Amino acid sequence: MAAKAPVKKNLSALKRDRQNEKSNIRNRVVRSKIKTIVKDVEAAVTGNNADEIAKTLRQAVKTISSASSKGVIHKNTASRKISRLTKRTNAAAKAAKA
């Protein structure tokens, strides 16, 4: 366990700590939502239901893009996640048609 940080006395440092704590809580919720929706897409892909795959992919893209625009995740990370999900769902949809 790391040593505890010394108590801050500067008012701006105290305010920054309060702000960081609030944003950390907000960001944690968004990151958790991203993980959940990605799992939903992967579950839909294994189910081979084309409508369900398309619906969950749209929702995932919306959630990931929103997190990126809020600054919760980096824009390149968002693009990478969306690209990989899209590639996976397209392959599953193609296999379902065949």
Protein backbone atom coordinates (compact mmCIF):
# COMPACT_ATOMS: atom_id res chain seq x y z
CA MET A 1 0.00 0.00 0.00
CA ALA A 2 1.34 3.41 -0.97
CA ALA A 3 2.04 6.08 1.62
CA LYS A 4 -0.73 8.57 2.20
CA ALA A 5 -0.28 11.94 0.50
CA PRO A 6 0.38 14.92 2.78
CA VAL A 7 -2.61 17.06 3.68
CA LYS A 8 -3.01 19.93 1.23
CA LYS A 9 -3.39 23.42 2.60
CA ASN A 10 -3.76 25.41 -0.59
CA LEU A 11 -7.42 26.29 -1.28
CA SER A 12 -7.08 25.75 -5.00
CA ALA A 13 -5.52 22.33 -4.41
CA LEU A 14 -8.42 21.38 -2.14
CA LYS A 15 -10.93 22.54 -4.74
CA ARG A 16 -9.10 20.62 -7.47
CA ASP A 17 -9.30 17.47 -5.30
CA ARG A 18 -13.07 17.92 -4.92
CA GLN A 19 -13.47 18.43 -8.66
CA ASN A 20 -11.32 15.41 -9.47
CA GLU A 21 -13.36 13.23 -7.15
CA LYS A 22 -16.64 14.30 -8.78
CA SER A 23 -15.36 13.81 -12.31
CA ASN A 24 -13.84 10.46 -11.39
CA ILE A 25 -17.24 9.22 -10.23
CA ARG A 26 -18.96 10.51 -13.39
CA ASN A 27 -16.29 9.05 -15.67
CA ARG A 28 -16.40 5.68 -13.89
CA VAL A 29 -20.11 5.41 -14.67
CA VAL A 30 -19.52 6.16 -18.36
CA ARG A 31 -16.61 3.71 -18.66
CA SER A 32 -18.70 1.01 -17.00
CA LYS A 33 -21.54 1.69 -19.43
CA ILE A 34 -19.12 1.29 -22.36
CA LYS A 35 -17.93 -2.09 -21.06
CA THR A 36 -21.51 -3.27 -20.57
CA ILE A 37 -22.67 -2.24 -24.03
CA VAL A 38 -19.62 -3.89 -25.65
CA LYS A 39 -20.50 -7.13 -23.86
CA ASP A 40 -24.08 -6.77 -25.13
CA VAL A 41 -22.83 -6.45 -28.72
CA GLU A 42 -20.60 -9.51 -28.34
CA ALA A 43 -23.54 -11.47 -26.92
CA ALA A 44 -25.69 -10.41 -29.88
CA VAL A 45 -22.94 -11.50 -32.28
CA THR A 46 -22.89 -15.00 -30.78
CA GLY A 47 -26.70 -15.09 -30.99
CA ASN A 48 -26.63 -14.59 -34.78
CA ASN A 49 -29.72 -12.34 -34.80
CA ALA A 50 -29.06 -9.66 -37.44
CA ASP A 51 -31.63 -7.19 -36.08
CA GLU A 52 -30.30 -7.48 -32.53
CA ILE A 53 -26.72 -7.09 -33.75
CA ALA A 54 -27.53 -3.90 -35.66
CA LYS A 55 -29.51 -2.43 -32.76
CA THR A 56 -26.84 -3.06 -30.15
CA LEU A 57 -24.08 -1.84 -32.47
CA ARG A 58 -25.90 1.48 -33.00
CA GLN A 59 -26.32 1.88 -29.26
CA ALA A 60 -22.64 1.02 -28.65
CA VAL A 61 -21.41 3.52 -31.24
CA LYS A 62 -23.59 6.22 -29.69
CA THR A 63 -22.34 5.49 -26.17
CA ILE A 64 -18.67 5.33 -27.17
CA SER A 65 -18.88 8.52 -29.26
CA SER A 66 -20.59 10.32 -26.41
CA ALA A 67 -17.85 9.27 -23.98
CA SER A 68 -15.23 10.47 -26.44
CA SER A 69 -16.86 13.88 -26.88
CA LYS A 70 -17.09 14.30 -23.09
CA GLY A 71 -13.39 13.54 -22.76
CA VAL A 72 -13.88 10.37 -20.74
CA ILE A 73 -11.91 8.33 -23.28
CA HIS A 74 -9.51 9.48 -25.97
CA LYS A 75 -10.90 9.95 -29.48
CA ASN A 76 -8.50 7.38 -30.93
CA THR A 77 -9.57 4.84 -28.31
CA ALA A 78 -13.19 5.48 -29.23
CA SER A 79 -12.44 5.07 -32.94
CA ARG A 80 -10.55 1.84 -32.31
CA LYS A 81 -13.36 0.36 -30.21
CA ILE A 82 -16.02 1.34 -32.76
CA SER A 83 -13.94 -0.04 -35.63
CA ARG A 84 -13.35 -3.38 -33.95
CA LEU A 85 -16.99 -3.77 -32.96
CA THR A 86 -18.17 -2.87 -36.46
CA LYS A 87 -15.76 -5.33 -38.04
CA ARG A 88 -16.93 -8.09 -35.70
CA THR A 89 -20.62 -7.40 -36.30
CA ASN A 90 -20.20 -7.18 -40.07
CA ALA A 91 -18.47 -10.56 -40.10
CA ALA A 92 -21.26 -12.06 -37.99
CA ALA A 93 -23.98 -10.57 -40.20
CA LYS A 94 -22.23 -11.90 -43.29
CA ALA A 95 -21.99 -15.36 -41.73
CA ALA A 96 -25.68 -15.24 -40.73
CA LYS A 97 -26.74 -14.48 -44.32
CA ALA A 98 -24.63 -17.29 -45.76
